Amino acid sequence: YDKNMKKFPRVGSVLQSKGDKKNNRYAPAFLVRNSKNIRFNNVI
């Protein structure tokens, strides 16, 4: 139940949620900083 819903999803679609903006960017898979000569090859 959501009285503030602006646009309802389409029946038959998949609704996906990733949490609130404050907490949903914890960390990247790879954090590189103050570094150089960087190569990622065949990394999935």
ModelCIF file with pLDDT and N, C-alpha, C, O atoms, coordinates in Angstrom:
data_MODEL
#
_entry.id   MODEL 
#
_entity.id                         1 
_entity.type                       polymer 
_entity.pdbx_number_of_molecules   1 
#
_entity_poly.entity_id                      1 
_entity_poly.type                           'polypeptide(L)' 
_entity_poly.nstd_linkage                   no 
_entity_poly.nstd_monomer                   no 
_entity_poly.pdbx_seq_one_letter_code       YDKNMKKFPRVGSVLQSKGDKKNNRYAPAFLVRNSKNIRFNNVI 
_entity_poly.pdbx_seq_one_letter_code_can   YDKNMKKFPRVGSVLQSKGDKKNNRYAPAFLVRNSKNIRFNNVI 
_entity_poly.pdbx_strand_id                 A 
#
loop_
_entity_poly_seq.entity_id 
_entity_poly_seq.num 
_entity_poly_seq.mon_id 
_entity_poly_seq.hetero 
1 1  TYR n 
1 2  ASP n 
1 3  LYS n 
1 4  ASN n 
1 5  MET n 
1 6  LYS n 
1 7  LYS n 
1 8  PHE n 
1 9  PRO n 
1 10 ARG n 
1 11 VAL n 
1 12 GLY n 
1 13 SER n 
1 14 VAL n 
1 15 LEU n 
1 16 GLN n 
1 17 SER n 
1 18 LYS n 
1 19 GLY n 
1 20 ASP n 
1 21 LYS n 
1 22 LYS n 
1 23 ASN n 
1 24 ASN n 
1 25 ARG n 
1 26 TYR n 
1 27 ALA n 
1 28 PRO n 
1 29 ALA n 
1 30 PHE n 
1 31 LEU n 
1 32 VAL n 
1 33 ARG n 
1 34 ASN n 
1 35 SER n 
1 36 LYS n 
1 37 ASN n 
1 38 ILE n 
1 39 ARG n 
1 40 PHE n 
1 41 ASN n 
1 42 ASN n 
1 43 VAL n 
1 44 ILE n 
#
_struct_asym.id          A 
_struct_asym.entity_id   1 
#
loop_
_ma_qa_metric.id 
_ma_qa_metric.mode 
_ma_qa_metric.name 
_ma_qa_metric.software_group_id 
_ma_qa_metric.type 
1 global pLDDT . pLDDT 
2 local  pLDDT . pLDDT 
#
_ma_qa_metric_global.metric_id      1 
_ma_qa_metric_global.metric_value   96.36 
_ma_qa_metric_global.model_id       1 
_ma_qa_metric_global.ordinal_id     1 
#
loop_
_ma_qa_metric_local.label_asym_id 
_ma_qa_metric_local.label_comp_id 
_ma_qa_metric_local.label_seq_id 
_ma_qa_metric_local.metric_id 
_ma_qa_metric_local.metric_value 
_ma_qa_metric_local.model_id 
_ma_qa_metric_local.ordinal_id 
A TYR 1  2 98.00 1 1  
A ASP 2  2 96.00 1 2  
A LYS 3  2 90.00 1 3  
A ASN 4  2 88.00 1 4  
A MET 5  2 91.00 1 5  
A LYS 6  2 88.00 1 6  
A LYS 7  2 93.00 1 7  
A PHE 8  2 96.00 1 8  
A PRO 9  2 96.00 1 9  
A ARG 10 2 97.00 1 10 
A VAL 11 2 98.00 1 11 
A GLY 12 2 98.00 1 12 
A SER 13 2 98.00 1 13 
A VAL 14 2 98.00 1 14 
A LEU 15 2 98.00 1 15 
A GLN 16 2 98.00 1 16 
A SER 17 2 98.00 1 17 
A LYS 18 2 98.00 1 18 
A GLY 19 2 97.00 1 19 
A ASP 20 2 94.00 1 20 
A LYS 21 2 90.00 1 21 
A LYS 22 2 91.00 1 22 
A ASN 23 2 95.00 1 23 
A ASN 24 2 96.00 1 24 
A ARG 25 2 97.00 1 25 
A TYR 26 2 98.00 1 26 
A ALA 27 2 98.00 1 27 
A PRO 28 2 98.00 1 28 
A ALA 29 2 98.00 1 29 
A PHE 30 2 98.00 1 30 
A LEU 31 2 98.00 1 31 
A VAL 32 2 98.00 1 32 
A ARG 33 2 97.00 1 33 
A ASN 34 2 98.00 1 34 
A SER 35 2 98.00 1 35 
A LYS 36 2 98.00 1 36 
A ASN 37 2 98.00 1 37 
A ILE 38 2 98.00 1 38 
A ARG 39 2 98.00 1 39 
A PHE 40 2 99.00 1 40 
A ASN 41 2 98.00 1 41 
A ASN 42 2 98.00 1 42 
A VAL 43 2 99.00 1 43 
A ILE 44 2 98.00 1 44 
#
loop_
_atom_site.group_PDB 
_atom_site.id 
_atom_site.type_symbol 
_atom_site.label_atom_id 
_atom_site.label_alt_id 
_atom_site.label_comp_id 
_atom_site.label_asym_id 
_atom_site.label_entity_id 
_atom_site.label_seq_id 
_atom_site.pdbx_PDB_ins_code 
_atom_site.Cartn_x 
_atom_site.Cartn_y 
_atom_site.Cartn_z 
_atom_site.occupancy 
_atom_site.B_iso_or_equiv 
_atom_site.pdbx_formal_charge 
_atom_site.auth_seq_id 
_atom_site.auth_comp_id 
_atom_site.auth_asym_id 
_atom_site.auth_atom_id 
_atom_site.pdbx_PDB_model_num 
ATOM 1   N N  . TYR A 1 1  ? 0.857  -1.186  0.000   1.00 98.00 ? 1  TYR A N  1 
ATOM 2   C CA . TYR A 1 1  ? 0.000  0.000   0.000   1.00 98.00 ? 1  TYR A CA 1 
ATOM 3   C C  . TYR A 1 1  ? 0.892  1.236   0.000   1.00 98.00 ? 1  TYR A C  1 
ATOM 4   O O  . TYR A 1 1  ? 1.742  1.410   0.873   1.00 98.00 ? 1  TYR A O  1 
ATOM 5   N N  . ASP A 1 2  ? 0.680  2.086   -0.995  1.00 96.00 ? 2  ASP A N  1 
ATOM 6   C CA . ASP A 1 2  ? 1.531  3.274   -1.112  1.00 96.00 ? 2  ASP A CA 1 
ATOM 7   C C  . ASP A 1 2  ? 0.681  4.427   -1.648  1.00 96.00 ? 2  ASP A C  1 
ATOM 8   O O  . ASP A 1 2  ? 0.444  4.533   -2.851  1.00 96.00 ? 2  ASP A O  1 
ATOM 9   N N  . LYS A 1 3  ? 0.234  5.277   -0.745  1.00 90.00 ? 3  LYS A N  1 
ATOM 10  C CA . LYS A 1 3  ? -0.641 6.392   -1.138  1.00 90.00 ? 3  LYS A CA 1 
ATOM 11  C C  . LYS A 1 3  ? 0.118  7.481   -1.893  1.00 90.00 ? 3  LYS A C  1 
ATOM 12  O O  . LYS A 1 3  ? -0.490 8.350   -2.519  1.00 90.00 ? 3  LYS A O  1 
ATOM 13  N N  . ASN A 1 4  ? 1.463  7.429   -1.830  1.00 88.00 ? 4  ASN A N  1 
ATOM 14  C CA . ASN A 1 4  ? 2.267  8.447   -2.518  1.00 88.00 ? 4  ASN A CA 1 
ATOM 15  C C  . ASN A 1 4  ? 2.816  7.962   -3.855  1.00 88.00 ? 4  ASN A C  1 
ATOM 16  O O  . ASN A 1 4  ? 3.631  8.645   -4.475  1.00 88.00 ? 4  ASN A O  1 
ATOM 17  N N  . MET A 1 5  ? 2.376  6.791   -4.301  1.00 91.00 ? 5  MET A N  1 
ATOM 18  C CA . MET A 1 5  ? 2.890  6.216   -5.538  1.00 91.00 ? 5  MET A CA 1 
ATOM 19  C C  . MET A 1 5  ? 2.528  7.113   -6.721  1.00 91.00 ? 5  MET A C  1 
ATOM 20  O O  . MET A 1 5  ? 1.353  7.380   -6.968  1.00 91.00 ? 5  MET A O  1 
ATOM 21  N N  . LYS A 1 6  ? 3.552  7.579   -7.454  1.00 88.00 ? 6  LYS A N  1 
ATOM 22  C CA . LYS A 1 6  ? 3.312  8.482   -8.585  1.00 88.00 ? 6  LYS A CA 1 
ATOM 23  C C  . LYS A 1 6  ? 3.046  7.720   -9.875  1.00 88.00 ? 6  LYS A C  1 
ATOM 24  O O  . LYS A 1 6  ? 2.222  8.141   -10.687 1.00 88.00 ? 6  LYS A O  1 
ATOM 25  N N  . LYS A 1 7  ? 3.733  6.608   -10.068 1.00 93.00 ? 7  LYS A N  1 
ATOM 26  C CA . LYS A 1 7  ? 3.547  5.812   -11.287 1.00 93.00 ? 7  LYS A CA 1 
ATOM 27  C C  . LYS A 1 7  ? 3.629  4.345   -10.914 1.00 93.00 ? 7  LYS A C  1 
ATOM 28  O O  . LYS A 1 7  ? 4.662  3.878   -10.436 1.00 93.00 ? 7  LYS A O  1 
ATOM 29  N N  . PHE A 1 8  ? 2.558  3.628   -11.128 1.00 96.00 ? 8  PHE A N  1 
ATOM 30  C CA . PHE A 1 8  ? 2.534  2.220   -10.769 1.00 96.00 ? 8  PHE A CA 1 
ATOM 31  C C  . PHE A 1 8  ? 3.249  1.386   -11.823 1.00 96.00 ? 8  PHE A C  1 
ATOM 32  O O  . PHE A 1 8  ? 3.214  1.718   -13.008 1.00 96.00 ? 8  PHE A O  1 
ATOM 33  N N  . PRO A 1 9  ? 3.897  0.307   -11.400 1.00 96.00 ? 9  PRO A N  1 
ATOM 34  C CA . PRO A 1 9  ? 4.593  -0.551  -12.367 1.00 96.00 ? 9  PRO A CA 1 
ATOM 35  C C  . PRO A 1 9  ? 3.594  -1.319  -13.227 1.00 96.00 ? 9  PRO A C  1 
ATOM 36  O O  . PRO A 1 9  ? 2.440  -1.511  -12.845 1.00 96.00 ? 9  PRO A O  1 
ATOM 37  N N  . ARG A 1 10 ? 4.051  -1.741  -14.362 1.00 97.00 ? 10 ARG A N  1 
ATOM 38  C CA . ARG A 1 10 ? 3.217  -2.497  -15.300 1.00 97.00 ? 10 ARG A CA 1 
ATOM 39  C C  . ARG A 1 10 ? 3.031  -3.932  -14.800 1.00 97.00 ? 10 ARG A C  1 
ATOM 40  O O  . ARG A 1 10 ? 3.991  -4.582  -14.387 1.00 97.00 ? 10 ARG A O  1 
ATOM 41  N N  . VAL A 1 11 ? 1.805  -4.412  -14.842 1.00 98.00 ? 11 VAL A N  1 
ATOM 42  C CA . VAL A 1 11 ? 1.545  -5.814  -14.520 1.00 98.00 ? 11 VAL A CA 1 
ATOM 43  C C  . VAL A 1 11 ? 2.309  -6.687  -15.517 1.00 98.00 ? 11 VAL A C  1 
ATOM 44  O O  . VAL A 1 11 ? 2.230  -6.482  -16.729 1.00 98.00 ? 11 VAL A O  1 
ATOM 45  N N  . GLY A 1 12 ? 3.042  -7.654  -14.992 1.00 98.00 ? 12 GLY A N  1 
ATOM 46  C CA . GLY A 1 12 ? 3.872  -8.508  -15.825 1.00 98.00 ? 12 GLY A CA 1 
ATOM 47  C C  . GLY A 1 12 ? 5.344  -8.116  -15.809 1.00 98.00 ? 12 GLY A C  1 
ATOM 48  O O  . GLY A 1 12 ? 6.203  -8.867  -16.272 1.00 98.00 ? 12 GLY A O  1 
ATOM 49  N N  . SER A 1 13 ? 5.629  -6.923  -15.268 1.00 98.00 ? 13 SER A N  1 
ATOM 50  C CA . SER A 1 13 ? 7.027  -6.491  -15.149 1.00 98.00 ? 13 SER A CA 1 
ATOM 51  C C  . SER A 1 13 ? 7.617  -7.000  -13.837 1.00 98.00 ? 13 SER A C  1 
ATOM 52  O O  . SER A 1 13 ? 6.920  -7.603  -13.021 1.00 98.00 ? 13 SER A O  1 
ATOM 53  N N  . VAL A 1 14 ? 8.899  -6.750  -13.648 1.00 98.00 ? 14 VAL A N  1 
ATOM 54  C CA . VAL A 1 14 ? 9.596  -7.096  -12.410 1.00 98.00 ? 14 VAL A CA 1 
ATOM 55  C C  . VAL A 1 14 ? 9.966  -5.782  -11.719 1.00 98.00 ? 14 VAL A C  1 
ATOM 56  O O  . VAL A 1 14 ? 10.663 -4.950  -12.301 1.00 98.00 ? 14 VAL A O  1 
ATOM 57  N N  . LEU A 1 15 ? 9.505  -5.596  -10.490 1.00 98.00 ? 15 LEU A N  1 
ATOM 58  C CA . LEU A 1 15 ? 9.878  -4.407  -9.730  1.00 98.00 ? 15 LEU A CA 1 
ATOM 59  C C  . LEU A 1 15 ? 11.123 -4.730  -8.911  1.00 98.00 ? 15 LEU A C  1 
ATOM 60  O O  . LEU A 1 15 ? 11.150 -5.704  -8.158  1.00 98.00 ? 15 LEU A O  1 
ATOM 61  N N  . GLN A 1 16 ? 12.154 -3.899  -9.067  1.00 98.00 ? 16 GLN A N  1 
ATOM 62  C CA . GLN A 1 16 ? 13.431 -4.122  -8.395  1.00 98.00 ? 16 GLN A CA 1 
ATOM 63  C C  . GLN A 1 16 ? 13.773 -2.919  -7.540  1.00 98.00 ? 16 GLN A C  1 
ATOM 64  O O  . GLN A 1 16 ? 13.619 -1.780  -7.980  1.00 98.00 ? 16 GLN A O  1 
ATOM 65  N N  . SER A 1 17 ? 14.236 -3.159  -6.321  1.00 98.00 ? 17 SER A N  1 
ATOM 66  C CA . SER A 1 17 ? 14.555 -2.087  -5.371  1.00 98.00 ? 17 SER A CA 1 
ATOM 67  C C  . SER A 1 17 ? 15.953 -2.313  -4.800  1.00 98.00 ? 17 SER A C  1 
ATOM 68  O O  . SER A 1 17 ? 16.356 -3.445  -4.535  1.00 98.00 ? 17 SER A O  1 
ATOM 69  N N  . LYS A 1 18 ? 16.685 -1.210  -4.618  1.00 98.00 ? 18 LYS A N  1 
ATOM 70  C CA . LYS A 1 18 ? 18.053 -1.325  -4.104  1.00 98.00 ? 18 LYS A CA 1 
ATOM 71  C C  . LYS A 1 18 ? 18.256 -0.561  -2.790  1.00 98.00 ? 18 LYS A C  1 
ATOM 72  O O  . LYS A 1 18 ? 19.395 -0.351  -2.373  1.00 98.00 ? 18 LYS A O  1 
ATOM 73  N N  . GLY A 1 19 ? 17.168 -0.145  -2.134  1.00 97.00 ? 19 GLY A N  1 
ATOM 74  C CA . GLY A 1 19 ? 17.303 0.498   -0.836  1.00 97.00 ? 19 GLY A CA 1 
ATOM 75  C C  . GLY A 1 19 ? 17.437 2.006   -0.922  1.00 97.00 ? 19 GLY A C  1 
ATOM 76  O O  . GLY A 1 19 ? 17.465 2.585   -2.008  1.00 97.00 ? 19 GLY A O  1 
ATOM 77  N N  . ASP A 1 20 ? 17.520 2.638   0.256   1.00 94.00 ? 20 ASP A N  1 
ATOM 78  C CA . ASP A 1 20 ? 17.514 4.098   0.321   1.00 94.00 ? 20 ASP A CA 1 
ATOM 79  C C  . ASP A 1 20 ? 18.839 4.690   -0.138  1.00 94.00 ? 20 ASP A C  1 
ATOM 80  O O  . ASP A 1 20 ? 19.892 4.060   -0.047  1.00 94.00 ? 20 ASP A O  1 
ATOM 81  N N  . LYS A 1 21 ? 18.753 5.931   -0.637  1.00 90.00 ? 21 LYS A N  1 
ATOM 82  C CA . LYS A 1 21 ? 19.901 6.612   -1.233  1.00 90.00 ? 21 LYS A CA 1 
ATOM 83  C C  . LYS A 1 21 ? 21.048 6.789   -0.245  1.00 90.00 ? 21 LYS A C  1 
ATOM 84  O O  . LYS A 1 21 ? 22.212 6.736   -0.642  1.00 90.00 ? 21 LYS A O  1 
ATOM 85  N N  . LYS A 1 22 ? 20.749 6.996   1.013   1.00 91.00 ? 22 LYS A N  1 
ATOM 86  C CA . LYS A 1 22 ? 21.783 7.244   2.004   1.00 91.00 ? 22 LYS A CA 1 
ATOM 87  C C  . LYS A 1 22 ? 22.681 6.028   2.198   1.00 91.00 ? 22 LYS A C  1 
ATOM 88  O O  . LYS A 1 22 ? 23.867 6.175   2.492   1.00 91.00 ? 22 LYS A O  1 
ATOM 89  N N  . ASN A 1 23 ? 22.129 4.837   2.037   1.00 95.00 ? 23 ASN A N  1 
ATOM 90  C CA . ASN A 1 23 ? 22.877 3.617   2.380   1.00 95.00 ? 23 ASN A CA 1 
ATOM 91  C C  . ASN A 1 23 ? 23.174 2.687   1.215   1.00 95.00 ? 23 ASN A C  1 
ATOM 92  O O  . ASN A 1 23 ? 23.886 1.698   1.391   1.00 95.00 ? 23 ASN A O  1 
ATOM 93  N N  . ASN A 1 24 ? 22.640 2.980   0.013   1.00 96.00 ? 24 ASN A N  1 
ATOM 94  C CA . ASN A 1 24 ? 22.738 1.965   -1.045  1.00 96.00 ? 24 ASN A CA 1 
ATOM 95  C C  . ASN A 1 24 ? 23.981 2.067   -1.921  1.00 96.00 ? 24 ASN A C  1 
ATOM 96  O O  . ASN A 1 24 ? 24.075 1.379   -2.937  1.00 96.00 ? 24 ASN A O  1 
ATOM 97  N N  . ARG A 1 25 ? 24.940 2.918   -1.540  1.00 97.00 ? 25 ARG A N  1 
ATOM 98  C CA . ARG A 1 25 ? 26.240 2.916   -2.226  1.00 97.00 ? 25 ARG A CA 1 
ATOM 99  C C  . ARG A 1 25 ? 27.331 2.698   -1.175  1.00 97.00 ? 25 ARG A C  1 
ATOM 100 O O  . ARG A 1 25 ? 27.969 3.644   -0.713  1.00 97.00 ? 25 ARG A O  1 
ATOM 101 N N  . TYR A 1 26 ? 27.523 1.452   -0.817  1.00 98.00 ? 26 TYR A N  1 
ATOM 102 C CA . TYR A 1 26 ? 28.469 1.127   0.256   1.00 98.00 ? 26 TYR A CA 1 
ATOM 103 C C  . TYR A 1 26 ? 29.908 1.275   -0.221  1.00 98.00 ? 26 TYR A C  1 
ATOM 104 O O  . TYR A 1 26 ? 30.697 1.990   0.397   1.00 98.00 ? 26 TYR A O  1 
ATOM 105 N N  . ALA A 1 27 ? 30.254 0.602   -1.318  1.00 98.00 ? 27 ALA A N  1 
ATOM 106 C CA . ALA A 1 27 ? 31.626 0.642   -1.821  1.00 98.00 ? 27 ALA A CA 1 
ATOM 107 C C  . ALA A 1 27 ? 31.659 0.038   -3.215  1.00 98.00 ? 27 ALA A C  1 
ATOM 108 O O  . ALA A 1 27 ? 30.836 -0.821  -3.532  1.00 98.00 ? 27 ALA A O  1 
ATOM 109 N N  . PRO A 1 28 ? 32.596 0.471   -4.055  1.00 98.00 ? 28 PRO A N  1 
ATOM 110 C CA . PRO A 1 28 ? 32.754 -0.161  -5.374  1.00 98.00 ? 28 PRO A CA 1 
ATOM 111 C C  . PRO A 1 28 ? 33.442 -1.514  -5.263  1.00 98.00 ? 28 PRO A C  1 
ATOM 112 O O  . PRO A 1 28 ? 34.049 -1.836  -4.241  1.00 98.00 ? 28 PRO A O  1 
ATOM 113 N N  . ALA A 1 29 ? 33.339 -2.296  -6.325  1.00 98.00 ? 29 ALA A N  1 
ATOM 114 C CA . ALA A 1 29 ? 34.083 -3.561  -6.363  1.00 98.00 ? 29 ALA A CA 1 
ATOM 115 C C  . ALA A 1 29 ? 35.585 -3.290  -6.340  1.00 98.00 ? 29 ALA A C  1 
ATOM 116 O O  . ALA A 1 29 ? 36.334 -3.948  -5.618  1.00 98.00 ? 29 ALA A O  1 
ATOM 117 N N  . PHE A 1 30 ? 36.019 -2.307  -7.144  1.00 98.00 ? 30 PHE A N  1 
ATOM 118 C CA . PHE A 1 30 ? 37.431 -1.926  -7.199  1.00 98.00 ? 30 PHE A CA 1 
ATOM 119 C C  . PHE A 1 30 ? 37.548 -0.424  -6.962  1.00 98.00 ? 30 PHE A C  1 
ATOM 120 O O  . PHE A 1 30 ? 37.018 0.373   -7.737  1.00 98.00 ? 30 PHE A O  1 
ATOM 121 N N  . LEU A 1 31 ? 38.236 -0.040  -5.901  1.00 98.00 ? 31 LEU A N  1 
ATOM 122 C CA . LEU A 1 31 ? 38.531 1.362   -5.618  1.00 98.00 ? 31 LEU A CA 1 
ATOM 123 C C  . LEU A 1 31 ? 40.023 1.578   -5.832  1.00 98.00 ? 31 LEU A C  1 
ATOM 124 O O  . LEU A 1 31 ? 40.854 0.960   -5.166  1.00 98.00 ? 31 LEU A O  1 
ATOM 125 N N  . VAL A 1 32 ? 40.354 2.465   -6.772  1.00 98.00 ? 32 VAL A N  1 
ATOM 126 C CA . VAL A 1 32 ? 41.754 2.759   -7.079  1.00 98.00 ? 32 VAL A CA 1 
ATOM 127 C C  . VAL A 1 32 ? 41.950 4.261   -6.960  1.00 98.00 ? 32 VAL A C  1 
ATOM 128 O O  . VAL A 1 32 ? 41.248 5.035   -7.611  1.00 98.00 ? 32 VAL A O  1 
ATOM 129 N N  . ARG A 1 33 ? 42.907 4.680   -6.127  1.00 97.00 ? 33 ARG A N  1 
ATOM 130 C CA . ARG A 1 33 ? 43.146 6.123   -6.037  1.00 97.00 ? 33 ARG A CA 1 
ATOM 131 C C  . ARG A 1 33 ? 44.614 6.423   -5.764  1.00 97.00 ? 33 ARG A C  1 
ATOM 132 O O  . ARG A 1 33 ? 45.358 5.629   -5.190  1.00 97.00 ? 33 ARG A O  1 
ATOM 133 N N  . ASN A 1 34 ? 44.981 7.619   -6.211  1.00 98.00 ? 34 ASN A N  1 
ATOM 134 C CA . ASN A 1 34 ? 46.373 8.057   -6.084  1.00 98.00 ? 34 ASN A CA 1 
ATOM 135 C C  . ASN A 1 34 ? 47.334 7.011   -6.645  1.00 98.00 ? 34 ASN A C  1 
ATOM 136 O O  . ASN A 1 34 ? 48.410 6.772   -6.098  1.00 98.00 ? 34 ASN A O  1 
ATOM 137 N N  . SER A 1 35 ? 46.918 6.396   -7.746  1.00 98.00 ? 35 SER A N  1 
ATOM 138 C CA . SER A 1 35 ? 47.704 5.333   -8.366  1.00 98.00 ? 35 SER A CA 1 
ATOM 139 C C  . SER A 1 35 ? 47.841 5.612   -9.862  1.00 98.00 ? 35 SER A C  1 
ATOM 140 O O  . SER A 1 35 ? 47.197 6.512   -10.401 1.00 98.00 ? 35 SER A O  1 
ATOM 141 N N  . LYS A 1 36 ? 48.696 4.819   -10.525 1.00 98.00 ? 36 LYS A N  1 
ATOM 142 C CA . LYS A 1 36 ? 48.905 5.018   -11.960 1.00 98.00 ? 36 LYS A CA 1 
ATOM 143 C C  . LYS A 1 36 ? 49.294 3.706   -12.625 1.00 98.00 ? 36 LYS A C  1 
ATOM 144 O O  . LYS A 1 36 ? 49.571 2.704   -11.965 1.00 98.00 ? 36 LYS A O  1 
ATOM 145 N N  . ASN A 1 37 ? 49.306 3.745   -13.975 1.00 98.00 ? 37 ASN A N  1 
ATOM 146 C CA . ASN A 1 37 ? 49.637 2.560   -14.767 1.00 98.00 ? 37 ASN A CA 1 
ATOM 147 C C  . ASN A 1 37 ? 48.753 1.385   -14.368 1.00 98.00 ? 37 ASN A C  1 
ATOM 148 O O  . ASN A 1 37 ? 49.217 0.381   -13.826 1.00 98.00 ? 37 ASN A O  1 
ATOM 149 N N  . ILE A 1 38 ? 47.454 1.547   -14.655 1.00 98.00 ? 38 ILE A N  1 
ATOM 150 C CA . ILE A 1 38 ? 46.421 0.633   -14.161 1.00 98.00 ? 38 ILE A CA 1 
ATOM 151 C C  . ILE A 1 38 ? 45.821 -0.127  -15.334 1.00 98.00 ? 38 ILE A C  1 
ATOM 152 O O  . ILE A 1 38 ? 45.455 0.467   -16.348 1.00 98.00 ? 38 ILE A O  1 
ATOM 153 N N  . ARG A 1 39 ? 45.723 -1.434  -15.190 1.00 98.00 ? 39 ARG A N  1 
ATOM 154 C CA . ARG A 1 39 ? 45.116 -2.237  -16.256 1.00 98.00 ? 39 ARG A CA 1 
ATOM 155 C C  . ARG A 1 39 ? 44.255 -3.346  -15.664 1.00 98.00 ? 39 ARG A C  1 
ATOM 156 O O  . ARG A 1 39 ? 44.717 -4.157  -14.861 1.00 98.00 ? 39 ARG A O  1 
ATOM 157 N N  . PHE A 1 40 ? 42.987 -3.359  -16.084 1.00 99.00 ? 40 PHE A N  1 
ATOM 158 C CA . PHE A 1 40 ? 42.078 -4.462  -15.789 1.00 99.00 ? 40 PHE A CA 1 
ATOM 159 C C  . PHE A 1 40 ? 41.804 -5.182  -17.104 1.00 99.00 ? 40 PHE A C  1 
ATOM 160 O O  . PHE A 1 40 ? 41.410 -4.555  -18.087 1.00 99.00 ? 40 PHE A O  1 
ATOM 161 N N  . ASN A 1 41 ? 42.009 -6.488  -17.123 1.00 98.00 ? 41 ASN A N  1 
ATOM 162 C CA . ASN A 1 41 ? 41.823 -7.264  -18.343 1.00 98.00 ? 41 ASN A CA 1 
ATOM 163 C C  . ASN A 1 41 ? 41.050 -8.541  -18.012 1.00 98.00 ? 41 ASN A C  1 
ATOM 164 O O  . ASN A 1 41 ? 41.457 -9.327  -17.156 1.00 98.00 ? 41 ASN A O  1 
ATOM 165 N N  . ASN A 1 42 ? 39.939 -8.729  -18.702 1.00 98.00 ? 42 ASN A N  1 
ATOM 166 C CA . ASN A 1 42 ? 39.099 -9.911  -18.486 1.00 98.00 ? 42 ASN A CA 1 
ATOM 167 C C  . ASN A 1 42 ? 38.667 -10.022 -17.030 1.00 98.00 ? 42 ASN A C  1 
ATOM 168 O O  . ASN A 1 42 ? 38.820 -11.066 -16.396 1.00 98.00 ? 42 ASN A O  1 
ATOM 169 N N  . VAL A 1 43 ? 38.133 -8.942  -16.524 1.00 99.00 ? 43 VAL A N  1 
ATOM 170 C CA . VAL A 1 43 ? 37.580 -8.903  -15.171 1.00 99.00 ? 43 VAL A CA 1 
ATOM 171 C C  . VAL A 1 43 ? 36.060 -8.748  -15.288 1.00 99.00 ? 43 VAL A C  1 
ATOM 172 O O  . VAL A 1 43 ? 35.575 -7.814  -15.926 1.00 99.00 ? 43 VAL A O  1 
ATOM 173 N N  . ILE A 1 44 ? 35.320 -9.661  -14.676 1.00 98.00 ? 44 ILE A N  1 
ATOM 174 C CA . ILE A 1 44 ? 33.862 -9.674  -14.759 1.00 98.00 ? 44 ILE A CA 1 
ATOM 175 C C  . ILE A 1 44 ? 33.275 -9.398  -13.376 1.00 98.00 ? 44 ILE A C  1 
ATOM 176 O O  . ILE A 1 44 ? 32.054 -9.363  -13.219 1.00 98.00 ? 44 ILE A O  1 
#
